[in-house]
Amino acid sequence: MHKIGSIPFKVHENKVAVLFVTSQSRGRWILPKGTLHDGESHEDACYRETYNEAGAKGFMMKNYPITKPITKLTTNGIISNSVTFYPLIVENQDNKWPDKKKRQRHWALLKDVSKVASREDYLLVLEDFKRLKPWKLI
């Protein structure tokens, strides 16, 4: 099952920050992601997941997809899903959002993401994001 996610980010005074959310089960810092619904575009899924999980709205950079396997611990063991993440320039953050009671959110400077995201699979996504430098196009 393919999933879609985002790398929500903003740039302030030439510093790039990434928005993380906590996972529902273990409270680890992750990037927003979810299942691609039947008939749904990658763009719509990216916007939906970013808003539902982080309360953030913005502009998805569809020409910069990053697809990586992301693992998850379930009652049936560890499963791996292919997830396509898109950089998303955050333009607005709501104080109320669908998953507010289930998740926390946290901004981290790009240079400090390894202190926040401890999982190797997410760090690999963020390494690709650093190499792509989509913020240079803003």
Protein backbone atom coordinates (compact mmCIF):
# COMPACT_ATOMS: atom_id res chain seq x y z
CA MET A 1 0.00 0.00 0.00
CA HIS A 2 1.54 3.29 -1.11
CA LYS A 3 1.51 6.24 1.26
CA ILE A 4 1.96 9.97 0.75
CA GLY A 5 3.69 12.35 3.13
CA SER A 6 5.08 15.82 3.35
CA ILE A 7 8.18 17.59 4.53
CA PRO A 8 6.59 20.78 5.87
CA PHE A 9 9.17 23.54 6.02
CA LYS A 10 9.65 27.28 6.21
CA VAL A 11 12.56 29.64 5.66
CA HIS A 12 13.28 32.57 7.95
CA GLU A 13 16.43 34.69 7.75
CA ASN A 14 18.08 32.08 5.49
CA LYS A 15 17.44 29.29 8.01
CA VAL A 16 15.32 26.29 7.05
CA ALA A 17 13.04 24.72 9.67
CA VAL A 18 11.07 21.47 9.35
CA LEU A 19 7.75 20.76 11.08
CA PHE A 20 7.51 17.40 12.86
CA VAL A 21 4.51 15.68 14.45
CA THR A 22 4.40 12.88 17.00
CA SER A 23 3.37 9.40 15.95
CA GLN A 24 0.06 8.26 17.42
CA SER A 25 1.34 5.07 19.00
CA ARG A 26 4.83 5.76 20.35
CA GLY A 27 5.07 9.54 20.43
CA ARG A 28 8.17 9.68 18.23
CA TRP A 29 8.84 12.70 16.03
CA ILE A 30 7.93 11.89 12.42
CA LEU A 31 6.81 13.64 9.25
CA PRO A 32 3.11 13.78 8.30
CA LYS A 33 2.05 10.86 6.11
CA GLY A 34 -0.92 8.65 5.36
CA THR A 35 -2.63 6.34 2.92
CA LEU A 36 -3.36 7.46 -0.62
CA HIS A 37 -7.13 7.03 -1.06
CA ASP A 38 -8.63 5.53 -4.24
CA GLY A 39 -8.92 8.20 -6.91
CA GLU A 40 -7.00 10.75 -4.83
CA SER A 41 -4.08 12.65 -6.34
CA HIS A 42 -0.70 12.80 -4.62
CA GLU A 43 -1.21 16.54 -4.24
CA ASP A 44 -4.59 16.19 -2.50
CA ALA A 45 -3.26 13.46 -0.20
CA CYS A 46 -0.22 15.57 0.70
CA TYR A 47 -2.38 18.57 1.61
CA ARG A 48 -4.86 16.39 3.54
CA GLU A 49 -2.25 14.60 5.63
CA THR A 50 -0.28 17.77 6.38
CA TYR A 51 -3.40 19.57 7.56
CA ASN A 52 -4.91 16.64 9.49
CA GLU A 53 -1.71 15.73 11.34
CA ALA A 54 0.05 19.11 11.69
CA GLY A 55 -2.62 21.75 11.10
CA ALA A 56 -0.40 23.27 8.42
CA LYS A 57 -1.34 24.60 5.00
CA GLY A 58 0.94 25.68 2.24
CA PHE A 59 2.32 24.96 -1.21
CA MET A 60 3.43 21.47 -2.23
CA MET A 61 6.52 21.27 -4.43
CA LYS A 62 5.35 18.43 -6.67
CA ASN A 63 8.52 18.35 -8.77
CA TYR A 64 10.62 17.21 -5.79
CA PRO A 65 9.22 13.83 -4.66
CA ILE A 66 11.29 11.69 -2.33
CA THR A 67 10.22 8.03 -2.12
CA LYS A 68 11.63 5.86 0.65
CA PRO A 69 10.57 2.75 2.58
CA ILE A 70 9.27 3.69 6.03
CA THR A 71 8.91 1.03 8.73
CA LYS A 72 6.23 0.81 11.37
CA LEU A 73 5.87 -1.48 14.39
CA THR A 74 2.43 -3.11 14.49
CA THR A 75 0.85 -5.93 16.48
CA ASN A 76 1.82 -8.19 13.55
CA GLY A 77 5.46 -7.11 13.66
CA ILE A 78 7.43 -4.60 11.65
CA ILE A 79 5.95 -3.61 8.30
CA SER A 80 7.49 -1.45 5.59
CA ASN A 81 5.59 0.81 3.21
CA SER A 82 6.80 2.88 0.33
CA VAL A 83 6.10 6.55 1.10
CA THR A 84 6.45 9.45 -1.32
CA PHE A 85 7.20 12.66 0.56
CA TYR A 86 6.81 16.10 -1.01
CA PRO A 87 8.39 19.29 0.31
CA LEU A 88 5.60 21.63 1.42
CA ILE A 89 6.25 25.32 2.06
CA VAL A 90 4.17 26.16 5.15
CA GLU A 91 2.23 29.38 4.72
CA ASN A 92 -0.22 29.01 7.60
CA GLN A 93 -0.63 26.96 10.78
CA ASP A 94 -4.00 26.61 12.48
CA ASN A 95 -4.32 26.50 16.26
CA LYS A 96 -7.04 23.86 15.90
CA TRP A 97 -6.68 20.90 13.54
CA PRO A 98 -8.17 17.38 13.24
CA ASP A 99 -5.39 15.46 15.08
CA LYS A 100 -4.61 18.12 17.71
CA LYS A 101 -5.70 15.86 20.60
CA LYS A 102 -3.63 12.94 19.23
CA ARG A 103 -0.42 14.66 18.16
CA GLN A 104 2.06 17.33 19.13
CA ARG A 105 4.01 19.37 16.61
CA HIS A 106 7.49 20.83 16.74
CA TRP A 107 9.64 23.01 14.48
CA ALA A 108 13.34 22.11 14.20
CA LEU A 109 16.07 23.81 12.24
CA LEU A 110 17.22 21.63 9.37
CA LYS A 111 20.73 21.49 10.82
CA ASP A 112 19.26 20.02 14.05
CA VAL A 113 16.80 17.44 12.67
CA SER A 114 18.93 14.50 13.79
CA LYS A 115 18.32 15.62 17.39
CA VAL A 116 14.56 15.39 16.83
CA ALA A 117 14.01 12.55 14.36
CA SER A 118 15.77 9.52 15.77
CA ARG A 119 14.59 6.99 13.19
CA GLU A 120 17.00 6.22 10.37
CA ASP A 121 14.27 6.01 7.71
CA TYR A 122 13.12 9.58 8.37
CA LEU A 123 16.69 10.83 8.55
CA LEU A 124 17.31 9.39 5.07
CA VAL A 125 14.28 11.30 3.76
CA LEU A 126 15.62 14.49 5.32
CA GLU A 127 19.11 13.88 3.88
CA ASP A 128 17.57 13.75 0.39
CA PHE A 129 15.61 16.92 1.21
CA LYS A 130 18.87 18.65 2.16
CA ARG A 131 20.49 17.57 -1.11
CA LEU A 132 17.54 18.77 -3.22
CA LYS A 133 17.48 22.21 -1.55
CA PRO A 134 13.95 23.06 -2.73
CA TRP A 135 13.99 26.22 -0.59
CA LYS A 136 16.45 27.72 -3.09
CA LEU A 137 13.51 28.09 -5.50
CA ILE A 138 11.43 30.24 -3.17
